[in-house]
Amino acid sequence: MQIITLDDKDFPHLLAAFHDGKEIGRYWSKGCAHVVCATRQFVLIGDSENPAKIAIKPARNIGEAERLALQFLSREQERGNEVSFEAN
């Protein structure tokens, strides 16, 4: 995963993708909620509805992005974090 912050020139584009993406689920770690979204190009993870930084992972298509997001959430659940999956 790559971390993009407010200082990055691509941040506004990725923040728009985060808001427009399909929410796959959320997890809670260290008292903070994290939102996991998928688009046709990326898996995006932000620490709130309007994050100051976004973790991204490229994907070839929406199907791959959704699979990667579900795998990520499953790993967080295995680590003992509370996870909620969005209904399809």
PDB file of N, CA and C in Angstrom:
ATOM      1  N   MET A   1       0.841  -1.175   0.000  1.00  0.00           N
ATOM      2  CA  MET A   1       0.000   0.000   0.000  1.00  0.00           C
ATOM      3  C   MET A   1       0.886   1.237   0.000  1.00  0.00           C
ATOM      4  N   GLN A   2       0.399   2.245  -0.650  1.00  0.00           N
ATOM      5  CA  GLN A   2       1.077   3.536  -0.677  1.00  0.00           C
ATOM      6  C   GLN A   2       0.216   4.535   0.089  1.00  0.00           C
ATOM      7  N   ILE A   3       0.837   5.402   0.868  1.00  0.00           N
ATOM      8  CA  ILE A   3       0.120   6.418   1.636  1.00  0.00           C
ATOM      9  C   ILE A   3       0.212   7.748   0.898  1.00  0.00           C
ATOM     10  N   ILE A   4      -0.939   8.359   0.645  1.00  0.00           N
ATOM     11  CA  ILE A   4      -1.015   9.667  -0.007  1.00  0.00           C
ATOM     12  C   ILE A   4      -1.560  10.657   1.025  1.00  0.00           C
ATOM     13  N   THR A   5      -0.895  11.812   1.164  1.00  0.00           N
ATOM     14  CA  THR A   5      -1.313  12.815   2.146  1.00  0.00           C
ATOM     15  C   THR A   5      -1.810  14.079   1.445  1.00  0.00           C
ATOM     16  N   LEU A   6      -2.307  15.004   2.252  1.00  0.00           N
ATOM     17  CA  LEU A   6      -2.806  16.285   1.733  1.00  0.00           C
ATOM     18  C   LEU A   6      -1.776  17.014   0.879  1.00  0.00           C
ATOM     19  N   ASP A   7      -0.501  16.826   1.174  1.00  0.00           N
ATOM     20  CA  ASP A   7       0.564  17.520   0.448  1.00  0.00           C
ATOM     21  C   ASP A   7       0.805  16.966  -0.952  1.00  0.00           C
ATOM     22  N   ASP A   8       0.312  15.777  -1.237  1.00  0.00           N
ATOM     23  CA  ASP A   8       0.533  15.146  -2.537  1.00  0.00           C
ATOM     24  C   ASP A   8      -0.370  15.775  -3.589  1.00  0.00           C
ATOM     25  N   LYS A   9       0.172  16.012  -4.769  1.00  0.00           N
ATOM     26  CA  LYS A   9      -0.622  16.648  -5.836  1.00  0.00           C
ATOM     27  C   LYS A   9      -1.793  15.779  -6.290  1.00  0.00           C
ATOM     28  N   ASP A  10      -1.709  14.469  -6.096  1.00  0.00           N
ATOM     29  CA  ASP A  10      -2.790  13.565  -6.503  1.00  0.00           C
ATOM     30  C   ASP A  10      -3.870  13.407  -5.434  1.00  0.00           C
ATOM     31  N   PHE A  11      -3.676  14.020  -4.261  1.00  0.00           N
ATOM     32  CA  PHE A  11      -4.621  13.811  -3.162  1.00  0.00           C
ATOM     33  C   PHE A  11      -6.057  14.195  -3.520  1.00  0.00           C
ATOM     34  N   PRO A  12      -6.316  15.367  -4.125  1.00  0.00           N
ATOM     35  CA  PRO A  12      -7.716  15.707  -4.438  1.00  0.00           C
ATOM     36  C   PRO A  12      -8.396  14.668  -5.340  1.00  0.00           C
ATOM     37  N   HIS A  13      -7.669  14.162  -6.334  1.00  0.00           N
ATOM     38  CA  HIS A  13      -8.212  13.135  -7.235  1.00  0.00           C
ATOM     39  C   HIS A  13      -8.525  11.852  -6.459  1.00  0.00           C
ATOM     40  N   LEU A  14      -7.611  11.448  -5.580  1.00  0.00           N
ATOM     41  CA  LEU A  14      -7.822  10.220  -4.817  1.00  0.00           C
ATOM     42  C   LEU A  14      -8.895  10.381  -3.745  1.00  0.00           C
ATOM     43  N   LEU A  15      -9.010  11.568  -3.173  1.00  0.00           N
ATOM     44  CA  LEU A  15     -10.087  11.822  -2.214  1.00  0.00           C
ATOM     45  C   LEU A  15     -11.445  11.730  -2.910  1.00  0.00           C
ATOM     46  N   ALA A  16     -11.537  12.255  -4.133  1.00  0.00           N
ATOM     47  CA  ALA A  16     -12.783  12.138  -4.905  1.00  0.00           C
ATOM     48  C   ALA A  16     -13.084  10.670  -5.196  1.00  0.00           C
ATOM     49  N   ALA A  17     -12.063   9.896  -5.555  1.00  0.00           N
ATOM     50  CA  ALA A  17     -12.254   8.462  -5.805  1.00  0.00           C
ATOM     51  C   ALA A  17     -12.701   7.754  -4.528  1.00  0.00           C
ATOM     52  N   PHE A  18     -12.144   8.147  -3.389  1.00  0.00           N
ATOM     53  CA  PHE A  18     -12.522   7.574  -2.095  1.00  0.00           C
ATOM     54  C   PHE A  18     -14.010   7.810  -1.827  1.00  0.00           C
ATOM     55  N   HIS A  19     -14.477   9.031  -2.076  1.00  0.00           N
ATOM     56  CA  HIS A  19     -15.887   9.364  -1.841  1.00  0.00           C
ATOM     57  C   HIS A  19     -16.815   8.703  -2.860  1.00  0.00           C
ATOM     58  N   ASP A  20     -16.354   8.551  -4.097  1.00  0.00           N
ATOM     59  CA  ASP A  20     -17.182   7.966  -5.154  1.00  0.00           C
ATOM     60  C   ASP A  20     -17.111   6.446  -5.186  1.00  0.00           C
ATOM     61  N   GLY A  21     -16.112   5.870  -4.528  1.00  0.00           N
ATOM     62  CA  GLY A  21     -15.910   4.426  -4.568  1.00  0.00           C
ATOM     63  C   GLY A  21     -16.985   3.661  -3.818  1.00  0.00           C
ATOM     64  N   LYS A  22     -16.993   2.376  -4.047  1.00  0.00           N
ATOM     65  CA  LYS A  22     -17.938   1.471  -3.384  1.00  0.00           C
ATOM     66  C   LYS A  22     -17.370   1.104  -2.013  1.00  0.00           C
ATOM     67  N   GLU A  23     -18.122   1.411  -0.957  1.00  0.00           N
ATOM     68  CA  GLU A  23     -17.657   1.044   0.379  1.00  0.00           C
ATOM     69  C   GLU A  23     -17.797  -0.463   0.559  1.00  0.00           C
ATOM     70  N   ILE A  24     -16.674  -1.105   0.879  1.00  0.00           N
ATOM     71  CA  ILE A  24     -16.651  -2.546   1.080  1.00  0.00           C
ATOM     72  C   ILE A  24     -16.844  -2.879   2.555  1.00  0.00           C
ATOM     73  N   GLY A  25     -16.345  -2.026   3.418  1.00  0.00           N
ATOM     74  CA  GLY A  25     -16.504  -2.250   4.847  1.00  0.00           C
ATOM     75  C   GLY A  25     -15.726  -1.239   5.659  1.00  0.00           C
ATOM     76  N   ARG A  26     -15.759  -1.466   6.980  1.00  0.00           N
ATOM     77  CA  ARG A  26     -15.042  -0.604   7.932  1.00  0.00           C
ATOM     78  C   ARG A  26     -14.392  -1.498   8.968  1.00  0.00           C
ATOM     79  N   TYR A  27     -13.325  -0.986   9.537  1.00  0.00           N
ATOM     80  CA  TYR A  27     -12.736  -1.670  10.678  1.00  0.00           C
ATOM     81  C   TYR A  27     -12.293  -0.634  11.692  1.00  0.00           C
ATOM     82  N   TRP A  28     -12.216  -1.073  12.942  1.00  0.00           N
ATOM     83  CA  TRP A  28     -11.845  -0.190  14.041  1.00  0.00           C
ATOM     84  C   TRP A  28     -10.530  -0.674  14.614  1.00  0.00           C
ATOM     85  N   SER A  29      -9.561   0.222  14.658  1.00  0.00           N
ATOM     86  CA  SER A  29      -8.242  -0.087  15.188  1.00  0.00           C
ATOM     87  C   SER A  29      -7.770   1.090  16.030  1.00  0.00           C
ATOM     88  N   LYS A  30      -7.323   0.807  17.243  1.00  0.00           N
ATOM     89  CA  LYS A  30      -6.817   1.839  18.155  1.00  0.00           C
ATOM     90  C   LYS A  30      -7.831   2.959  18.358  1.00  0.00           C
ATOM     91  N   GLY A  31      -9.114   2.586  18.429  1.00  0.00           N
ATOM     92  CA  GLY A  31     -10.173   3.554  18.689  1.00  0.00           C
ATOM     93  C   GLY A  31     -10.575   4.413  17.512  1.00  0.00           C
ATOM     94  N   CYS A  32     -10.088   4.096  16.338  1.00  0.00           N
ATOM     95  CA  CYS A  32     -10.372   4.901  15.147  1.00  0.00           C
ATOM     96  C   CYS A  32     -11.036   4.033  14.075  1.00  0.00           C
ATOM     97  N   ALA A  33     -12.073   4.572  13.449  1.00  0.00           N
ATOM     98  CA  ALA A  33     -12.747   3.858  12.359  1.00  0.00           C
ATOM     99  C   ALA A  33     -12.006   4.110  11.053  1.00  0.00           C
ATOM    100  N   HIS A  34     -11.856   3.060  10.259  1.00  0.00           N
ATOM    101  CA  HIS A  34     -11.215   3.141   8.952  1.00  0.00           C
ATOM    102  C   HIS A  34     -12.205   2.634   7.908  1.00  0.00           C
ATOM    103  N   VAL A  35     -12.359   3.377   6.831  1.00  0.00           N
ATOM    104  CA  VAL A  35     -13.286   3.032   5.759  1.00  0.00           C
ATOM    105  C   VAL A  35     -12.490   2.423   4.606  1.00  0.00           C
ATOM    106  N   VAL A  36     -12.967   1.286   4.083  1.00  0.00           N
ATOM    107  CA  VAL A  36     -12.301   0.597   2.977  1.00  0.00           C
ATOM    108  C   VAL A  36     -13.221   0.653   1.763  1.00  0.00           C
ATOM    109  N   CYS A  37     -12.729   1.269   0.676  1.00  0.00           N
ATOM    110  CA  CYS A  37     -13.510   1.441  -0.551  1.00  0.00           C
ATOM    111  C   CYS A  37     -12.785   0.812  -1.736  1.00  0.00           C
ATOM    112  N   ALA A  38     -13.545   0.508  -2.776  1.00  0.00           N
ATOM    113  CA  ALA A  38     -12.977  -0.039  -4.006  1.00  0.00           C
ATOM    114  C   ALA A  38     -13.482   0.768  -5.196  1.00  0.00           C
ATOM    115  N   THR A  39     -12.579   0.994  -6.146  1.00  0.00           N
ATOM    116  CA  THR A  39     -12.937   1.592  -7.432  1.00  0.00           C
ATOM    117  C   THR A  39     -12.404   0.660  -8.513  1.00  0.00           C
ATOM    118  N   ARG A  40     -12.598   1.014  -9.755  1.00  0.00           N
ATOM    119  CA  ARG A  40     -12.097   0.142 -10.819  1.00  0.00           C
ATOM    120  C   ARG A  40     -10.580   0.195 -10.940  1.00  0.00           C
ATOM    121  N   GLN A  41      -9.929   1.128 -10.224  1.00  0.00           N
ATOM    122  CA  GLN A  41      -8.470   1.239 -10.281  1.00  0.00           C
ATOM    123  C   GLN A  41      -7.764   0.999  -8.956  1.00  0.00           C
ATOM    124  N   PHE A  42      -8.463   1.185  -7.830  1.00  0.00           N
ATOM    125  CA  PHE A  42      -7.788   1.161  -6.537  1.00  0.00           C
ATOM    126  C   PHE A  42      -8.632   0.557  -5.426  1.00  0.00           C
ATOM    127  N   VAL A  43      -7.935   0.097  -4.382  1.00  0.00           N
ATOM    128  CA  VAL A  43      -8.505  -0.081  -3.054  1.00  0.00           C
ATOM    129  C   VAL A  43      -8.029   1.145  -2.286  1.00  0.00           C
ATOM    130  N   LEU A  44      -8.947   1.827  -1.614  1.00  0.00           N
ATOM    131  CA  LEU A  44      -8.608   3.036  -0.863  1.00  0.00           C
ATOM    132  C   LEU A  44      -9.049   2.873   0.583  1.00  0.00           C
ATOM    133  N   ILE A  45      -8.175   3.256   1.511  1.00  0.00           N
ATOM    134  CA  ILE A  45      -8.480   3.151   2.931  1.00  0.00           C
ATOM    135  C   ILE A  45      -8.211   4.496   3.576  1.00  0.00           C
ATOM    136  N   GLY A  46      -9.231   5.030   4.236  1.00  0.00           N
ATOM    137  CA  GLY A  46      -9.098   6.302   4.938  1.00  0.00           C
ATOM    138  C   GLY A  46      -9.574   6.164   6.361  1.00  0.00           C
ATOM    139  N   ASP A  47      -9.086   7.045   7.230  1.00  0.00           N
ATOM    140  CA  ASP A  47      -9.423   6.920   8.645  1.00  0.00           C
ATOM    141  C   ASP A  47     -10.704   7.645   9.041  1.00  0.00           C
ATOM    142  N   SER A  48     -11.428   8.192   8.092  1.00  0.00           N
ATOM    143  CA  SER A  48     -12.710   8.835   8.378  1.00  0.00           C
ATOM    144  C   SER A  48     -13.395   9.135   7.054  1.00  0.00           C
ATOM    145  N   GLU A  49     -14.506   9.847   7.117  1.00  0.00           N
ATOM    146  CA  GLU A  49     -15.206  10.225   5.886  1.00  0.00           C
ATOM    147  C   GLU A  49     -14.416  11.258   5.083  1.00  0.00           C
ATOM    148  N   ASN A  50     -13.625  12.095   5.753  1.00  0.00           N
ATOM    149  CA  ASN A  50     -12.787  13.100   5.088  1.00  0.00           C
ATOM    150  C   ASN A  50     -11.355  12.979   5.595  1.00  0.00           C
ATOM    151  N   PRO A  51     -10.641  11.953   5.138  1.00  0.00           N
ATOM    152  CA  PRO A  51      -9.308  11.684   5.671  1.00  0.00           C
ATOM    153  C   PRO A  51      -8.253  12.704   5.227  1.00  0.00           C
ATOM    154  N   ALA A  52      -7.216  12.853   6.049  1.00  0.00           N
ATOM    155  CA  ALA A  52      -6.069  13.698   5.712  1.00  0.00           C
ATOM    156  C   ALA A  52      -4.998  12.886   5.003  1.00  0.00           C
ATOM    157  N   LYS A  53      -5.137  11.563   5.058  1.00  0.00           N
ATOM    158  CA  LYS A  53      -4.253  10.678   4.306  1.00  0.00           C
ATOM    159  C   LYS A  53      -5.057   9.459   3.875  1.00  0.00           C
ATOM    160  N   ILE A  54      -4.662   8.893   2.747  1.00  0.00           N
ATOM    161  CA  ILE A  54      -5.368   7.750   2.178  1.00  0.00           C
ATOM    162  C   ILE A  54      -4.334   6.705   1.781  1.00  0.00           C
ATOM    163  N   ALA A  55      -4.579   5.454   2.164  1.00  0.00           N
ATOM    164  CA  ALA A  55      -3.748   4.344   1.706  1.00  0.00           C
ATOM    165  C   ALA A  55      -4.375   3.818   0.418  1.00  0.00           C
ATOM    166  N   ILE A  56      -3.540   3.586  -0.593  1.00  0.00           N
ATOM    167  CA  ILE A  56      -4.061   3.085  -1.867  1.00  0.00           C
ATOM    168  C   ILE A  56      -3.292   1.845  -2.303  1.00  0.00           C
ATOM    169  N   LYS A  57      -3.985   0.974  -3.007  1.00  0.00           N
ATOM    170  CA  LYS A  57      -3.373  -0.193  -3.642  1.00  0.00           C
ATOM    171  C   LYS A  57      -3.988  -0.302  -5.026  1.00  0.00           C
ATOM    172  N   PRO A  58      -3.171  -0.315  -6.063  1.00  0.00           N
ATOM    173  CA  PRO A  58      -3.706  -0.425  -7.421  1.00  0.00           C
ATOM    174  C   PRO A  58      -4.405  -1.766  -7.656  1.00  0.00           C
ATOM    175  N   ALA A  59      -5.383  -1.740  -8.545  1.00  0.00           N
ATOM    176  CA  ALA A  59      -6.101  -2.947  -8.955  1.00  0.00           C
ATOM    177  C   ALA A  59      -6.340  -2.876 -10.460  1.00  0.00           C
ATOM    178  N   ARG A  60      -6.492  -4.032 -11.088  1.00  0.00           N
ATOM    179  CA  ARG A  60      -6.717  -4.074 -12.541  1.00  0.00           C
ATOM    180  C   ARG A  60      -8.156  -3.755 -12.923  1.00  0.00           C
ATOM    181  N   ASN A  61      -9.092  -4.055 -12.012  1.00  0.00           N
ATOM    182  CA  ASN A  61     -10.508  -3.801 -12.293  1.00  0.00           C
ATOM    183  C   ASN A  61     -11.275  -3.797 -10.971  1.00  0.00           C
ATOM    184  N   ILE A  62     -12.551  -3.506 -11.034  1.00  0.00           N
ATOM    185  CA  ILE A  62     -13.358  -3.410  -9.815  1.00  0.00           C
ATOM    186  C   ILE A  62     -13.438  -4.751  -9.083  1.00  0.00           C
ATOM    187  N   GLY A  63     -13.506  -5.837  -9.829  1.00  0.00           N
ATOM    188  CA  GLY A  63     -13.567  -7.159  -9.198  1.00  0.00           C
ATOM    189  C   GLY A  63     -12.329  -7.448  -8.367  1.00  0.00           C
ATOM    190  N   GLU A  64     -11.164  -7.147  -8.935  1.00  0.00           N
ATOM    191  CA  GLU A  64      -9.923  -7.354  -8.192  1.00  0.00           C
ATOM    192  C   GLU A  64      -9.864  -6.425  -6.979  1.00  0.00           C
ATOM    193  N   ALA A  65     -10.281  -5.181  -7.146  1.00  0.00           N
ATOM    194  CA  ALA A  65     -10.272  -4.224  -6.035  1.00  0.00           C
ATOM    195  C   ALA A  65     -11.174  -4.708  -4.901  1.00  0.00           C
ATOM    196  N   GLU A  66     -12.348  -5.223  -5.235  1.00  0.00           N
ATOM    197  CA  GLU A  66     -13.259  -5.730  -4.209  1.00  0.00           C
ATOM    198  C   GLU A  66     -12.654  -6.935  -3.489  1.00  0.00           C
ATOM    199  N   ARG A  67     -12.025  -7.844  -4.234  1.00  0.00           N
ATOM    200  CA  ARG A  67     -11.387  -9.013  -3.614  1.00  0.00           C
ATOM    201  C   ARG A  67     -10.256  -8.589  -2.670  1.00  0.00           C
ATOM    202  N   LEU A  68      -9.420  -7.656  -3.131  1.00  0.00           N
ATOM    203  CA  LEU A  68      -8.321  -7.173  -2.295  1.00  0.00           C
ATOM    204  C   LEU A  68      -8.848  -6.503  -1.024  1.00  0.00           C
ATOM    205  N   ALA A  69      -9.917  -5.725  -1.166  1.00  0.00           N
ATOM    206  CA  ALA A  69     -10.510  -5.045  -0.008  1.00  0.00           C
ATOM    207  C   ALA A  69     -11.057  -6.064   0.992  1.00  0.00           C
ATOM    208  N   LEU A  70     -11.736  -7.086   0.501  1.00  0.00           N
ATOM    209  CA  LEU A  70     -12.268  -8.123   1.389  1.00  0.00           C
ATOM    210  C   LEU A  70     -11.147  -8.888   2.084  1.00  0.00           C
ATOM    211  N   GLN A  71     -10.061  -9.174   1.354  1.00  0.00           N
ATOM    212  CA  GLN A  71      -8.910  -9.844   1.958  1.00  0.00           C
ATOM    213  C   GLN A  71      -8.306  -8.977   3.063  1.00  0.00           C
ATOM    214  N   PHE A  72      -8.193  -7.690   2.792  1.00  0.00           N
ATOM    215  CA  PHE A  72      -7.645  -6.763   3.778  1.00  0.00           C
ATOM    216  C   PHE A  72      -8.514  -6.748   5.040  1.00  0.00           C
ATOM    217  N   LEU A  73      -9.826  -6.642   4.862  1.00  0.00           N
ATOM    218  CA  LEU A  73     -10.735  -6.622   6.011  1.00  0.00           C
ATOM    219  C   LEU A  73     -10.680  -7.937   6.793  1.00  0.00           C
ATOM    220  N   SER A  74     -10.562  -9.046   6.084  1.00  0.00           N
ATOM    221  CA  SER A  74     -10.457 -10.347   6.757  1.00  0.00           C
ATOM    222  C   SER A  74      -9.191 -10.424   7.605  1.00  0.00           C
ATOM    223  N   ARG A  75      -8.079  -9.885   7.090  1.00  0.00           N
ATOM    224  CA  ARG A  75      -6.835  -9.863   7.869  1.00  0.00           C
ATOM    225  C   ARG A  75      -6.982  -8.997   9.121  1.00  0.00           C
ATOM    226  N   GLU A  76      -7.672  -7.874   8.979  1.00  0.00           N
ATOM    227  CA  GLU A  76      -7.902  -7.019  10.149  1.00  0.00           C
ATOM    228  C   GLU A  76      -8.748  -7.750  11.188  1.00  0.00           C
ATOM    229  N   GLN A  77      -9.719  -8.512  10.727  1.00  0.00           N
ATOM    230  CA  GLN A  77     -10.564  -9.286  11.638  1.00  0.00           C
ATOM    231  C   GLN A  77      -9.728 -10.351  12.353  1.00  0.00           C
ATOM    232  N   GLU A  78      -8.819 -11.004  11.620  1.00  0.00           N
ATOM    233  CA  GLU A  78      -7.937 -12.009  12.215  1.00  0.00           C
ATOM    234  C   GLU A  78      -7.018 -11.394  13.264  1.00  0.00           C
ATOM    235  N   ARG A  79      -6.667 -10.133  13.089  1.00  0.00           N
ATOM    236  CA  ARG A  79      -5.820  -9.426  14.056  1.00  0.00           C
ATOM    237  C   ARG A  79      -6.594  -9.015  15.305  1.00  0.00           C
ATOM    238  N   GLY A  80      -7.899  -9.273  15.311  1.00  0.00           N
ATOM    239  CA  GLY A  80      -8.716  -8.965  16.475  1.00  0.00           C
ATOM    240  C   GLY A  80      -9.434  -7.635  16.411  1.00  0.00           C
ATOM    241  N   ASN A  81      -9.340  -6.943  15.282  1.00  0.00           N
ATOM    242  CA  ASN A  81     -10.045  -5.672  15.137  1.00  0.00           C
ATOM    243  C   ASN A  81     -11.502  -5.919  14.770  1.00  0.00           C
ATOM    244  N   GLU A  82     -12.380  -5.043  15.238  1.00  0.00           N
ATOM    245  CA  GLU A  82     -13.801  -5.130  14.885  1.00  0.00           C
ATOM    246  C   GLU A  82     -13.960  -4.730  13.422  1.00  0.00           C
ATOM    247  N   VAL A  83     -14.692  -5.534  12.658  1.00  0.00           N
ATOM    248  CA  VAL A  83     -14.879  -5.301  11.224  1.00  0.00           C
ATOM    249  C   VAL A  83     -16.359  -5.380  10.898  1.00  0.00           C
ATOM    250  N   SER A  84     -16.820  -4.484  10.034  1.00  0.00           N
ATOM    251  CA  SER A  84     -18.180  -4.600   9.498  1.00  0.00           C
ATOM    252  C   SER A  84     -18.075  -4.582   7.982  1.00  0.00           C
ATOM    253  N   PHE A  85     -18.768  -5.524   7.356  1.00  0.00           N
ATOM    254  CA  PHE A  85     -18.788  -5.630   5.904  1.00  0.00           C
ATOM    255  C   PHE A  85     -20.080  -5.014   5.394  1.00  0.00           C
ATOM    256  N   GLU A  86     -20.001  -4.265   4.320  1.00  0.00           N
ATOM    257  CA  GLU A  86     -21.198  -3.686   3.708  1.00  0.00           C
ATOM    258  C   GLU A  86     -21.951  -4.781   2.964  1.00  0.00           C
ATOM    259  N   ALA A  87     -23.274  -4.724   3.001  1.00  0.00           N
ATOM    260  CA  ALA A  87     -24.100  -5.672   2.247  1.00  0.00           C
ATOM    261  C   ALA A  87     -24.001  -5.338   0.767  1.00  0.00           C
ATOM    262  N   ASN A  88     -24.007  -6.357  -0.055  1.00  0.00           N
ATOM    263  CA  ASN A  88     -23.921  -6.142  -1.519  1.00  0.00           C
ATOM    264  C   ASN A  88     -25.214  -5.659  -2.082  1.00  0.00           C
TER     265      ASN A  88
END
